[in-house]
Amino acid sequence: MQAVEREREFHFTDRDFRFICRLVGEETGIVLTEAKRNMVYSRLARRLRALGMDSFRDYCRLLESHDSDELVNFINAITTNLTAFFREPHHFEYLSSTLLPELMRYNDASRRLRIWSAGCSSGEEPYSIAMTVRETIPETAGWDVRILATDLDSNMVERARAGIYTEERVESLSRQRLRRWFLKGKGEYQGKVRVRPELQSMITFRQLNLLHDWPFSGPFDIIFCRNVVIYFSKDTQRVLINRYADITHPKSALFLGHSESLFKVSDRFDLVGNTIYRRNGK
């Protein structure tokens, strides 16, 4: 450990790491293990440089002082933001072929659908949901469809709200989808694309900590919470999934990430497909 420390730009002790792990757990519910030490160092070293600090000890003291601005930067730096358009495509296939038609029958009287992308990162997930909805339920059908997209990282929320992506980010999409749902950038936006306003208008973006109070009560028909609960302890997972169950109905669906499961976490959702769950009557 000492040899590694001498090579580093900033001194980073076990005590610093333990403090950061505890603070991350308290603020986000994310459990950091020893395997994440190098990741924590590299991400927070950028904050030390930005602040002109010489050591992690000083940075931990700043966080301990409850500096709200830096706490936001700290959380943004630690949280992971890996995403892509139509990631885990079987979810969107189930959404279009099975779930949306069923919900249209179930909600026929209200003609209303509410969807939550919990952990929306830079926006690819909620925009993929919006594209799938509009390709299945045209705007002319007269349905009231709203998508709530939230993330812990305020920087990601702003990026998602802007809806501007490099051409590389959308190269996996079909030409048909690109023409229908994106505008080609010009001038300063050369080499980029922008989501069309008709999709953006379906989505409300908000910064939200899933472990804090929620300023809404549902009910939601669909919740995407993919690659989020994997970072939480089992106890935190149980609390979160139970809260999801409380704001859904028996026809609602919950989508988790490819390595996530509700096994020994909750019996209020039934597994119906690969990381696809439907709310039961419990």
Protein backbone atom coordinates (compact mmCIF):
# COMPACT_ATOMS: atom_id res chain seq x y z
CA MET A 1 0.00 0.00 0.00
CA GLN A 2 2.80 2.44 0.90
CA ALA A 3 4.51 2.04 -2.47
CA VAL A 4 1.23 2.76 -4.22
CA GLU A 5 0.61 5.81 -2.02
CA ARG A 6 4.05 7.29 -2.86
CA GLU A 7 3.18 7.16 -6.56
CA ARG A 8 -0.09 9.01 -6.06
CA GLU A 9 -0.55 12.75 -6.41
CA PHE A 10 -2.53 12.98 -3.16
CA HIS A 11 -2.09 11.14 0.13
CA PHE A 12 -5.11 8.84 0.57
CA THR A 13 -5.29 6.96 3.86
CA ASP A 14 -7.48 4.12 5.06
CA ARG A 15 -9.16 6.63 7.37
CA ASP A 16 -9.98 8.90 4.40
CA PHE A 17 -11.43 5.97 2.48
CA ARG A 18 -13.53 4.78 5.43
CA PHE A 19 -14.93 8.29 5.93
CA ILE A 20 -15.84 8.58 2.24
CA CYS A 21 -17.47 5.14 2.23
CA ARG A 22 -19.54 6.05 5.28
CA LEU A 23 -20.61 9.40 3.81
CA VAL A 24 -21.53 7.85 0.47
CA GLY A 25 -23.59 5.24 2.30
CA GLU A 26 -25.40 7.85 4.40
CA GLU A 27 -26.13 10.17 1.47
CA THR A 28 -26.90 7.73 -1.33
CA GLY A 29 -27.27 4.22 0.09
CA ILE A 30 -24.47 3.04 -2.20
CA VAL A 31 -22.16 0.48 -0.58
CA LEU A 32 -18.50 0.98 -1.52
CA THR A 33 -16.12 -1.94 -1.00
CA GLU A 34 -12.33 -2.08 -0.92
CA ALA A 35 -12.46 -2.99 -4.61
CA LYS A 36 -13.70 0.55 -5.33
CA ARG A 37 -10.75 2.30 -3.62
CA ASN A 38 -8.93 3.19 -6.85
CA MET A 39 -12.15 4.39 -8.48
CA VAL A 40 -12.88 6.62 -5.48
CA TYR A 41 -9.36 8.04 -5.58
CA SER A 42 -9.39 8.83 -9.31
CA ARG A 43 -12.83 10.45 -9.27
CA LEU A 44 -12.25 12.57 -6.17
CA ALA A 45 -8.70 13.55 -7.13
CA ARG A 46 -10.36 15.74 -9.78
CA ARG A 47 -12.27 17.53 -7.03
CA LEU A 48 -9.07 18.12 -5.04
CA ARG A 49 -7.42 19.65 -8.11
CA ALA A 50 -10.44 21.84 -8.81
CA LEU A 51 -10.41 23.08 -5.21
CA GLY A 52 -6.64 23.52 -5.04
CA MET A 53 -6.32 21.10 -2.14
CA ASP A 54 -3.22 19.12 -1.25
CA SER A 55 -4.67 16.11 0.58
CA PHE A 56 -7.73 13.94 1.01
CA ARG A 57 -7.61 14.77 4.69
CA ASP A 58 -8.44 18.41 3.90
CA TYR A 59 -11.14 17.34 1.46
CA CYS A 60 -12.77 15.09 4.06
CA ARG A 61 -12.74 18.01 6.51
CA LEU A 62 -14.56 20.14 3.92
CA LEU A 63 -17.22 17.45 3.50
CA GLU A 64 -17.46 17.13 7.29
CA SER A 65 -18.24 20.85 7.48
CA HIS A 66 -21.50 20.18 5.58
CA ASP A 67 -20.57 22.38 2.61
CA SER A 68 -23.74 21.77 0.58
CA ASP A 69 -22.25 22.80 -2.77
CA GLU A 70 -19.31 20.46 -2.43
CA LEU A 71 -21.52 17.65 -1.20
CA VAL A 72 -23.41 17.84 -4.51
CA ASN A 73 -20.10 17.77 -6.43
CA PHE A 74 -18.94 14.86 -4.28
CA ILE A 75 -22.06 12.79 -5.00
CA ASN A 76 -21.89 13.64 -8.69
CA ALA A 77 -18.26 12.50 -8.83
CA ILE A 78 -18.89 9.16 -7.11
CA THR A 79 -22.08 8.00 -8.82
CA THR A 80 -21.73 5.90 -11.96
CA ASN A 81 -23.32 7.08 -15.22
CA LEU A 82 -23.01 4.31 -17.78
CA THR A 83 -25.92 4.16 -20.21
CA ALA A 84 -26.91 3.81 -23.86
CA PHE A 85 -29.99 4.13 -26.05
CA PHE A 86 -32.14 0.97 -25.88
CA ARG A 87 -29.74 -0.71 -23.48
CA GLU A 88 -31.01 -4.23 -22.70
CA PRO A 89 -33.29 -4.22 -25.76
CA HIS A 90 -35.50 -7.06 -24.52
CA HIS A 91 -37.00 -4.60 -22.02
CA PHE A 92 -38.18 -2.31 -24.79
CA GLU A 93 -39.44 -5.23 -26.86
CA TYR A 94 -41.56 -6.36 -23.89
CA LEU A 95 -42.70 -2.78 -23.35
CA SER A 96 -43.98 -2.40 -26.91
CA SER A 97 -45.29 -5.91 -27.58
CA THR A 98 -46.84 -6.84 -24.23
CA LEU A 99 -46.85 -4.22 -21.49
CA LEU A 100 -48.18 -1.14 -23.27
CA PRO A 101 -51.07 -3.00 -24.99
CA GLU A 102 -52.06 -4.52 -21.61
CA LEU A 103 -51.90 -1.17 -19.84
CA MET A 104 -53.95 0.48 -22.59
CA ARG A 105 -56.73 -2.00 -21.89
CA TYR A 106 -56.37 -1.63 -18.11
CA ASN A 107 -56.33 2.19 -18.25
CA ASP A 108 -58.87 2.53 -21.03
CA ALA A 109 -61.21 4.67 -18.92
CA SER A 110 -58.58 7.23 -17.88
CA ARG A 111 -56.39 6.98 -21.02
CA ARG A 112 -53.50 7.89 -18.77
CA LEU A 113 -50.03 6.35 -18.38
CA ARG A 114 -47.34 7.33 -15.89
CA ILE A 115 -43.76 6.05 -16.21
CA TRP A 116 -40.73 6.65 -14.00
CA SER A 117 -37.11 6.32 -15.10
CA ALA A 118 -35.39 6.18 -11.70
CA GLY A 119 -31.68 6.63 -12.35
CA CYS A 120 -31.98 8.27 -15.77
CA SER A 121 -28.29 9.25 -16.03
CA SER A 122 -27.71 11.35 -19.17
CA GLY A 123 -31.17 10.67 -20.59
CA GLU A 124 -30.76 7.77 -22.99
CA GLU A 125 -33.15 5.57 -21.01
CA PRO A 126 -36.13 7.96 -20.73
CA TYR A 127 -35.75 9.00 -24.37
CA SER A 128 -35.70 5.32 -25.38
CA ILE A 129 -38.87 4.82 -23.33
CA ALA A 130 -40.48 7.85 -24.99
CA MET A 131 -39.59 6.60 -28.48
CA THR A 132 -41.06 3.17 -27.69
CA VAL A 133 -44.25 4.71 -26.30
CA ARG A 134 -44.77 6.99 -29.30
CA GLU A 135 -44.06 4.19 -31.77
CA THR A 136 -46.69 2.07 -29.98
CA ILE A 137 -49.18 4.78 -28.98
CA PRO A 138 -49.15 7.65 -31.51
CA GLU A 139 -49.83 11.13 -30.19
CA THR A 140 -53.01 11.17 -32.27
CA ALA A 141 -54.40 8.32 -30.14
CA GLY A 142 -55.23 10.86 -27.44
CA TRP A 143 -53.43 9.25 -24.50
CA ASP A 144 -52.03 11.30 -21.64
CA VAL A 145 -48.52 9.86 -21.24
CA ARG A 146 -45.96 11.41 -18.90
CA ILE A 147 -42.47 10.20 -18.06
CA LEU A 148 -40.67 11.25 -14.89
CA ALA A 149 -36.89 10.96 -15.20
CA THR A 150 -34.78 11.36 -12.05
CA ASP A 151 -31.17 10.95 -11.06
CA LEU A 152 -29.03 11.59 -8.03
CA ASP A 153 -26.41 13.41 -10.15
CA SER A 154 -27.57 16.96 -10.92
CA ASN A 155 -25.06 17.31 -13.77
CA MET A 156 -26.53 14.25 -15.47
CA VAL A 157 -30.05 15.62 -15.06
CA GLU A 158 -29.07 18.84 -16.84
CA ARG A 159 -27.37 16.91 -19.63
CA ALA A 160 -30.43 14.69 -20.02
CA ARG A 161 -32.77 17.68 -20.09
CA ALA A 162 -30.74 19.27 -22.91
CA GLY A 163 -31.15 16.14 -25.06
CA ILE A 164 -27.99 16.79 -27.11
CA TYR A 165 -25.77 13.85 -28.02
CA THR A 166 -22.73 13.18 -30.19
CA GLU A 167 -23.33 11.25 -33.39
CA GLU A 168 -21.31 8.39 -31.89
CA ARG A 169 -23.84 8.06 -29.06
CA VAL A 170 -26.69 7.43 -31.52
CA GLU A 171 -24.87 5.33 -34.12
CA SER A 172 -26.54 2.15 -32.84
CA LEU A 173 -30.00 3.52 -33.70
CA SER A 174 -31.68 2.70 -37.00
CA ARG A 175 -31.79 5.37 -39.70
CA GLN A 176 -35.56 5.39 -39.38
CA ARG A 177 -35.39 6.27 -35.67
CA LEU A 178 -32.69 8.87 -36.23
CA ARG A 179 -34.77 10.64 -38.88
CA ARG A 180 -37.96 10.45 -36.86
CA TRP A 181 -36.74 11.41 -33.41
CA PHE A 182 -33.58 13.53 -33.79
CA LEU A 183 -32.54 16.81 -35.38
CA LYS A 184 -29.08 17.11 -36.91
CA GLY A 185 -26.89 19.74 -35.26
CA LYS A 186 -25.55 22.76 -37.13
CA GLY A 187 -22.95 25.41 -36.36
CA GLU A 188 -21.60 24.91 -32.83
CA TYR A 189 -23.59 21.65 -32.66
CA GLN A 190 -21.93 20.17 -35.75
CA GLY A 191 -21.35 16.46 -35.21
CA LYS A 192 -24.18 16.27 -32.68
CA VAL A 193 -27.90 15.55 -32.70
CA ARG A 194 -30.77 16.84 -30.61
CA VAL A 195 -33.88 15.01 -29.44
CA ARG A 196 -37.01 16.37 -31.10
CA PRO A 197 -39.19 18.61 -28.92
CA GLU A 198 -42.17 16.25 -29.15
CA LEU A 199 -40.20 13.63 -27.21
CA GLN A 200 -38.74 16.12 -24.75
CA SER A 201 -42.20 17.44 -23.94
CA MET A 202 -43.22 14.00 -22.65
CA ILE A 203 -40.49 13.95 -20.00
CA THR A 204 -40.00 15.85 -16.73
CA PHE A 205 -36.38 15.74 -15.50
CA ARG A 206 -35.63 16.18 -11.79
CA GLN A 207 -32.73 15.64 -9.42
CA LEU A 208 -33.80 13.15 -6.76
CA ASN A 209 -32.20 11.07 -4.04
CA LEU A 210 -34.15 7.79 -3.96
CA LEU A 211 -33.50 7.42 -0.23
CA HIS A 212 -35.09 10.76 0.65
CA ASP A 213 -38.73 11.83 0.54
CA TRP A 214 -40.42 11.68 -2.87
CA PRO A 215 -42.47 14.76 -3.86
CA PHE A 216 -45.05 12.58 -5.64
CA SER A 217 -47.29 9.65 -4.79
CA GLY A 218 -48.07 7.92 -8.08
CA PRO A 219 -49.58 5.67 -9.04
CA PHE A 220 -47.01 4.66 -11.66
CA ASP A 221 -47.75 2.10 -14.35
CA ILE A 222 -44.10 1.42 -15.17
CA ILE A 223 -40.86 1.94 -13.25
CA PHE A 224 -37.42 1.52 -14.75
CA CYS A 225 -34.79 1.21 -11.99
CA ARG A 226 -31.93 -0.45 -13.80
CA ASN A 227 -28.39 -0.79 -12.47
CA VAL A 228 -29.28 1.20 -9.38
CA VAL A 229 -30.18 -1.22 -6.59
CA ILE A 230 -27.00 -3.22 -7.17
CA TYR A 231 -25.15 -0.45 -5.31
CA PHE A 232 -27.42 -0.69 -2.25
CA SER A 233 -27.32 -3.02 0.73
CA LYS A 234 -30.05 -5.67 0.96
CA ASP A 235 -31.81 -3.73 3.71
CA THR A 236 -31.85 -0.57 1.59
CA GLN A 237 -33.07 -2.57 -1.40
CA ARG A 238 -35.98 -3.93 0.63
CA VAL A 239 -37.04 -0.46 1.73
CA LEU A 240 -36.77 0.96 -1.80
CA ILE A 241 -38.65 -1.87 -3.53
CA ASN A 242 -41.39 -1.72 -0.91
CA ARG A 243 -41.77 2.01 -1.61
CA TYR A 244 -42.04 1.22 -5.33
CA ALA A 245 -44.77 -1.32 -4.60
CA ASP A 246 -46.69 1.28 -2.59
CA ILE A 247 -46.94 3.64 -5.60
CA THR A 248 -47.85 1.03 -8.23
CA HIS A 249 -50.91 -1.11 -9.00
CA PRO A 250 -51.39 -4.84 -9.78
CA LYS A 251 -50.75 -4.35 -13.51
CA SER A 252 -47.63 -2.23 -13.06
CA ALA A 253 -44.17 -3.35 -14.16
CA LEU A 254 -40.71 -2.91 -12.67
CA PHE A 255 -37.59 -3.25 -14.82
CA LEU A 256 -34.24 -3.97 -13.15
CA GLY A 257 -30.69 -4.16 -14.52
CA HIS A 258 -29.17 -7.31 -16.01
CA SER A 259 -27.34 -8.30 -12.80
CA GLU A 260 -30.10 -7.36 -10.36
CA SER A 261 -32.79 -9.49 -8.72
CA LEU A 262 -35.59 -9.28 -6.15
CA PHE A 263 -34.72 -12.72 -4.77
CA LYS A 264 -34.95 -12.47 -0.96
CA VAL A 265 -35.64 -8.74 -1.37
CA SER A 266 -39.39 -8.49 -2.05
CA ASP A 267 -42.39 -10.76 -2.66
CA ARG A 268 -44.59 -7.91 -3.92
CA PHE A 269 -43.44 -8.32 -7.52
CA ASP A 270 -43.46 -11.50 -9.64
CA LEU A 271 -40.73 -12.29 -12.16
CA VAL A 272 -42.26 -12.51 -15.65
CA GLY A 273 -39.18 -12.19 -17.85
CA ASN A 274 -35.47 -11.50 -17.80
CA THR A 275 -35.24 -8.84 -15.03
CA ILE A 276 -38.87 -7.88 -15.72
CA TYR A 277 -41.26 -7.90 -12.75
CA ARG A 278 -45.02 -7.35 -12.44
CA ARG A 279 -46.72 -6.10 -9.30
CA ASN A 280 -48.88 -8.64 -7.49
CA GLY A 281 -51.61 -8.16 -4.88
CA LYS A 282 -49.37 -8.33 -1.81
